[in-house]
Protein backbone atom coordinates (compact mmCIF):
# COMPACT_ATOMS: atom_id res chain seq x y z
CA MET A 1 -43.21 -7.79 9.41
CA THR A 2 -46.33 -7.06 7.21
CA GLN A 3 -46.20 -5.19 4.22
CA PRO A 4 -49.02 -3.02 3.11
CA ASN A 5 -51.49 -2.86 0.58
CA TRP A 6 -50.32 -0.14 -1.94
CA ASN A 7 -52.89 0.96 -3.85
CA GLU A 8 -52.04 3.66 -6.42
CA MET A 9 -52.49 6.97 -5.87
CA VAL A 10 -50.77 8.71 -9.15
CA THR A 11 -49.87 6.28 -12.94
CA LYS A 12 -47.24 6.64 -14.91
CA LYS A 13 -47.27 10.24 -14.82
CA ALA A 14 -44.68 12.64 -17.01
CA VAL A 15 -42.87 14.97 -14.72
CA ALA A 16 -40.57 17.22 -16.58
CA ALA A 17 -37.03 18.88 -14.85
CA THR A 18 -38.90 22.30 -14.82
CA THR A 19 -36.66 25.43 -15.82
CA ASN A 20 -39.46 28.07 -14.70
CA LEU A 21 -40.39 26.79 -10.78
CA LEU A 22 -38.80 24.88 -8.21
CA TRP A 23 -41.02 21.88 -8.75
CA VAL A 24 -44.38 20.03 -10.55
CA ARG A 25 -47.63 19.07 -8.18
CA VAL A 26 -48.49 15.74 -8.43
CA SER A 27 -51.17 15.95 -6.76
CA ASP A 28 -53.30 18.98 -5.67
CA TYR A 29 -53.78 17.10 -1.81
CA ILE A 30 -52.49 15.32 0.40
CA ARG A 31 -53.15 14.97 4.07
CA GLY A 32 -50.96 12.81 6.34
CA PRO A 33 -50.56 10.34 8.09
CA ARG A 34 -49.91 8.39 5.25
CA LYS A 35 -47.45 6.05 4.23
CA ILE A 36 -46.80 6.93 0.66
CA MET A 37 -44.37 5.05 -2.30
CA ILE A 38 -43.17 6.49 -5.05
CA LYS A 39 -41.17 4.79 -8.10
CA ALA A 40 -39.30 6.79 -10.92
CA GLU A 41 -37.47 6.05 -13.84
CA GLY A 42 -36.30 7.42 -16.99
CA THR A 43 -33.50 9.95 -17.54
CA TRP A 44 -33.38 13.94 -17.36
CA ASN A 45 -30.83 16.37 -17.31
CA TYR A 46 -29.35 19.02 -14.87
CA ASP A 47 -26.97 20.21 -17.63
CA SER A 48 -26.54 20.12 -21.45
CA HIS A 49 -24.26 18.03 -21.91
CA ALA A 50 -25.11 15.50 -17.89
CA ALA A 51 -28.21 13.71 -17.78
CA CYS A 52 -28.44 11.17 -15.35
CA GLY A 53 -31.78 9.10 -13.37
CA PRO A 54 -33.60 9.47 -10.88
CA ASP A 55 -30.89 8.00 -8.48
CA GLY A 56 -29.09 11.35 -9.29
CA ASN A 57 -24.77 11.70 -10.02
CA PRO A 58 -22.96 10.79 -7.40
CA GLY A 59 -20.06 11.70 -9.68
CA GLU A 60 -22.02 15.86 -8.41
CA GLY A 61 -21.85 14.82 -4.77
CA PHE A 62 -23.35 17.12 -2.58
CA ASN A 63 -23.69 20.46 -2.38
CA ASP A 64 -25.00 23.26 0.56
CA ALA A 65 -27.22 25.25 -2.54
CA ASN A 66 -28.93 22.19 -3.58
CA LEU A 67 -32.61 22.01 -2.29
CA HIS A 68 -31.69 18.99 -0.40
CA ASP A 69 -27.94 18.60 0.61
CA SER A 70 -27.86 15.77 1.49
CA ALA A 71 -29.15 13.62 -1.81
CA LEU A 72 -26.89 13.77 -5.19
CA ARG A 73 -27.38 16.57 -7.80
CA GLY A 74 -30.20 15.56 -10.09
CA CYS A 75 -32.33 13.53 -7.91
CA LEU A 76 -35.64 12.89 -7.36
CA ILE A 77 -37.11 15.05 -4.52
CA ALA A 78 -40.54 15.01 -2.88
CA LYS A 79 -42.90 18.02 -0.22
CA VAL A 80 -45.99 18.17 1.25
CA GLY A 81 -47.27 22.09 0.84
CA GLY A 82 -46.28 25.19 0.29
CA SER A 83 -46.34 26.43 -3.60
CA ALA A 84 -44.14 25.53 -6.70
CA GLY A 85 -42.65 28.76 -6.24
CA GLU A 86 -40.75 28.01 -2.60
CA THR A 87 -38.72 25.43 0.01
CA PRO A 88 -40.28 24.29 2.90
CA GLY A 89 -36.26 24.09 4.89
CA LYS A 90 -34.20 21.24 4.10
CA GLY A 91 -35.48 18.99 6.58
CA LYS A 92 -39.07 19.23 5.12
CA ILE A 93 -37.90 17.50 1.59
CA GLN A 94 -37.79 14.23 0.99
CA ALA A 95 -35.20 12.64 -0.94
CA VAL A 96 -37.19 9.74 -3.40
CA GLY A 97 -34.37 8.18 -6.21
CA SER A 98 -35.52 5.83 -8.36
CA PHE A 99 -37.49 4.55 -4.83
CA CYS A 100 -38.85 5.49 -1.66
CA SER A 101 -41.28 4.82 0.66
CA PHE A 102 -42.22 7.22 3.49
CA GLU A 103 -44.24 8.64 6.28
CA ILE A 104 -45.91 12.17 5.53
CA GLY A 105 -46.55 13.10 9.65
CA ALA A 106 -50.23 13.63 11.63
CA ASP A 107 -48.98 17.40 10.64
CA ALA A 108 -48.47 18.05 6.78
CA ALA A 109 -50.89 19.11 4.25
CA GLY A 110 -50.67 20.72 1.19
CA ALA A 111 -49.58 19.38 -3.01
CA LEU A 112 -47.31 16.89 -3.21
CA TYR A 113 -44.42 18.15 -5.15
CA LEU A 114 -42.10 16.41 -6.54
CA ALA A 115 -38.41 18.76 -8.52
CA MET A 116 -35.01 17.58 -9.30
CA ASN A 117 -32.58 18.01 -6.41
CA ASP A 118 -29.83 21.35 -8.06
CA ALA A 119 -28.75 24.51 -6.85
CA PRO A 120 -32.36 27.08 -7.63
CA LYS A 121 -29.91 29.03 -10.20
CA ASN A 122 -28.99 25.98 -12.25
CA PHE A 123 -32.61 25.33 -12.62
CA TYR A 124 -32.92 26.69 -16.42
CA LYS A 125 -30.46 24.52 -17.63
CA HIS A 126 -33.13 21.83 -16.31
CA SER A 127 -34.51 18.95 -19.95
CA GLY A 128 -36.02 16.08 -20.25
CA THR A 129 -38.68 14.28 -17.53
CA LEU A 130 -38.98 11.65 -15.88
CA THR A 131 -42.35 9.38 -15.42
CA VAL A 132 -43.63 7.75 -11.82
CA THR A 133 -46.00 6.22 -9.99
CA ILE A 134 -47.23 7.59 -6.48
CA SER A 135 -49.32 4.76 -4.50
CA GLU A 136 -50.69 5.22 -0.77
CA ALA A 137 -51.09 2.66 1.99
CA SER A 138 -54.50 1.99 2.35
């Protein structure tokens, strides 16, 4: 099996844990089909006394109220398209964590957004910043 060659699209971008929007736009437009790789590092807080890295906090488990119900609370998640204030539905959100490579389907197009996985009612508690690098297969 051959590995794709990766070209960086976004290098070492700071992604803040938002308090007033659901999503942070990291690329203005991307169209499938394409393969994307996201690497993230750092620490952010989903509560004033609870920090985690981009993989989330296993102690919190899973919650149907979170944007992505099968990703840990605090996990970095991604979506393509829509706006910073909406969710496309749970089936169209990708759990990313500290490393993820995934394929964007041919029918997907729009801005690339990232967010901390949490229940929207808790976003006002967020703080901190992750650093992400996003690459695409050539």
